[in-house]
Amino acid sequence: QVQLVESGGGLVQPGGSLRLSCAASGNIFSINYMAWYRQAPGKQREVVATITTGGSTSYADPVKGRFTISRDNAKNTVYLQMNNVKPEDTAVYYCNAWDGGRRHNYWGQGAQVTVSS
């Protein structure tokens, strides 16, 4: 019913920037909030940033001041602007959407972000 398609992952040097995109399609009526998660090798998946339908945002401490989550409602797309990236940011990044009406989580396919010199 809802598809999340991610793009923008890749290799970037420490201190560089990268922007991830997540385009939502299908029945997106009841999406209450969207988020970016990441999972590094050997670690649990963790939330990176969230944005609600009202536009409120939140960030995990390690990315505060460096990452920005935003949305383009006309394009049904959420972004994660990653600035001043660190090697610790290396992970697979997943777009997430919570459908409150259907009480269901939707996930993007994952985008590999590698921060390395």
Protein backbone atom coordinates (compact mmCIF):
# COMPACT_ATOMS: atom_id res chain seq x y z
CA GLN A 1 0.00 0.00 0.00
CA VAL A 2 2.95 2.29 0.65
CA GLN A 3 6.32 2.14 -1.01
CA LEU A 4 9.42 3.93 0.16
CA VAL A 5 12.21 4.24 -2.34
CA GLU A 6 15.55 5.53 -1.16
CA SER A 7 18.33 7.11 -3.13
CA GLY A 8 21.49 9.10 -2.54
CA GLY A 9 23.72 6.69 -0.69
CA GLY A 10 27.34 6.21 -1.53
CA LEU A 11 30.92 6.79 -0.52
CA VAL A 12 31.90 10.10 1.01
CA GLN A 13 35.01 11.42 2.72
CA PRO A 14 35.02 12.47 6.37
CA GLY A 15 33.82 16.04 6.62
CA GLY A 16 31.90 15.76 3.41
CA SER A 17 28.20 15.92 2.73
CA LEU A 18 25.57 13.61 1.39
CA ARG A 19 21.83 13.84 0.93
CA LEU A 20 19.54 10.86 1.17
CA SER A 21 16.09 10.94 -0.37
CA CYS A 22 13.05 8.83 0.37
CA ALA A 23 10.11 9.03 -1.99
CA ALA A 24 6.80 7.71 -0.71
CA SER A 25 4.13 6.43 -3.04
CA GLY A 26 0.88 4.55 -2.83
CA ASN A 27 -1.67 5.12 -0.13
CA ILE A 28 0.17 7.63 2.01
CA PHE A 29 -2.92 9.14 3.60
CA SER A 30 -2.39 7.90 7.11
CA ILE A 31 1.33 8.41 7.45
CA ASN A 32 1.84 10.05 10.81
CA TYR A 33 5.56 10.48 10.80
CA MET A 34 8.65 9.53 8.90
CA ALA A 35 12.10 8.78 10.12
CA TRP A 36 15.57 7.79 9.16
CA TYR A 37 17.17 4.83 10.87
CA ARG A 38 20.59 3.39 10.43
CA GLN A 39 22.29 0.14 11.20
CA ALA A 40 26.03 -0.20 11.36
CA PRO A 41 27.81 -3.56 11.25
CA GLY A 42 27.50 -5.32 14.58
CA LYS A 43 25.07 -2.78 15.95
CA GLN A 44 21.34 -2.55 16.40
CA ARG A 45 19.23 -0.41 14.15
CA GLU A 46 18.85 3.03 15.66
CA VAL A 47 16.77 6.06 14.90
CA VAL A 48 18.65 8.98 13.42
CA ALA A 49 15.99 11.61 12.86
CA THR A 50 12.23 11.91 12.75
CA ILE A 51 9.75 14.34 11.27
CA THR A 52 6.05 14.44 12.03
CA THR A 53 3.16 15.47 9.84
CA GLY A 54 3.18 18.73 11.74
CA GLY A 55 6.79 19.32 10.84
CA SER A 56 8.33 18.68 14.23
CA THR A 57 11.78 17.15 14.06
CA SER A 58 14.00 15.26 16.41
CA TYR A 59 17.55 14.00 16.18
CA ALA A 60 19.73 11.46 17.83
CA ASP A 61 22.52 13.03 19.84
CA PRO A 62 25.37 11.81 17.60
CA VAL A 63 23.97 13.65 14.58
CA LYS A 64 22.69 16.84 16.15
CA GLY A 65 24.06 19.88 14.42
CA ARG A 66 25.24 17.83 11.46
CA PHE A 67 22.16 16.17 9.97
CA THR A 68 18.90 17.76 8.94
CA ILE A 69 15.67 15.96 8.15
CA SER A 70 13.23 17.74 5.89
CA ARG A 71 10.33 17.04 3.59
CA ASP A 72 8.88 18.16 0.32
CA ASN A 73 5.17 17.60 0.57
CA ALA A 74 4.55 18.22 -3.12
CA LYS A 75 6.93 15.40 -3.98
CA ASN A 76 6.02 13.18 -1.04
CA THR A 77 9.68 12.98 -0.29
CA VAL A 78 11.68 13.16 2.90
CA TYR A 79 15.36 13.98 2.93
CA LEU A 80 18.28 13.53 5.22
CA GLN A 81 20.98 16.11 4.65
CA MET A 82 24.18 14.78 6.13
CA ASN A 83 26.91 17.34 6.69
CA ASN A 84 30.33 16.98 8.25
CA VAL A 85 30.02 13.24 8.14
CA LYS A 86 32.18 11.04 10.30
CA PRO A 87 33.40 7.46 9.87
CA GLU A 88 31.01 6.53 12.67
CA ASP A 89 28.15 7.49 10.37
CA THR A 90 28.92 4.52 8.15
CA ALA A 91 25.81 2.39 8.08
CA VAL A 92 22.87 1.28 6.04
CA TYR A 93 20.28 4.01 6.27
CA TYR A 94 16.61 3.09 6.18
CA CYS A 95 13.68 5.32 5.54
CA ASN A 96 10.73 4.57 7.78
CA ALA A 97 7.11 5.60 7.76
CA TRP A 98 4.48 4.93 10.40
CA ASP A 99 0.96 4.47 9.15
CA GLY A 100 -1.21 5.21 12.13
CA GLY A 101 -4.42 4.42 10.29
CA ARG A 102 -3.28 0.92 9.40
CA ARG A 103 -0.95 0.54 12.36
CA HIS A 104 1.86 -0.54 10.14
CA ASN A 105 5.49 0.33 9.62
CA TYR A 106 6.90 0.74 6.14
CA TRP A 107 10.57 0.58 5.32
CA GLY A 108 12.73 1.66 2.47
CA GLN A 109 15.15 -0.76 0.90
CA GLY A 110 18.16 0.71 2.64
CA ALA A 111 20.94 2.92 1.37
CA GLN A 112 24.57 2.22 2.12
CA VAL A 113 26.52 5.22 3.35
CA THR A 114 30.23 4.73 3.73
CA VAL A 115 32.38 7.46 5.24
CA SER A 116 36.01 6.78 4.56
CA SER A 117 39.21 8.47 3.49
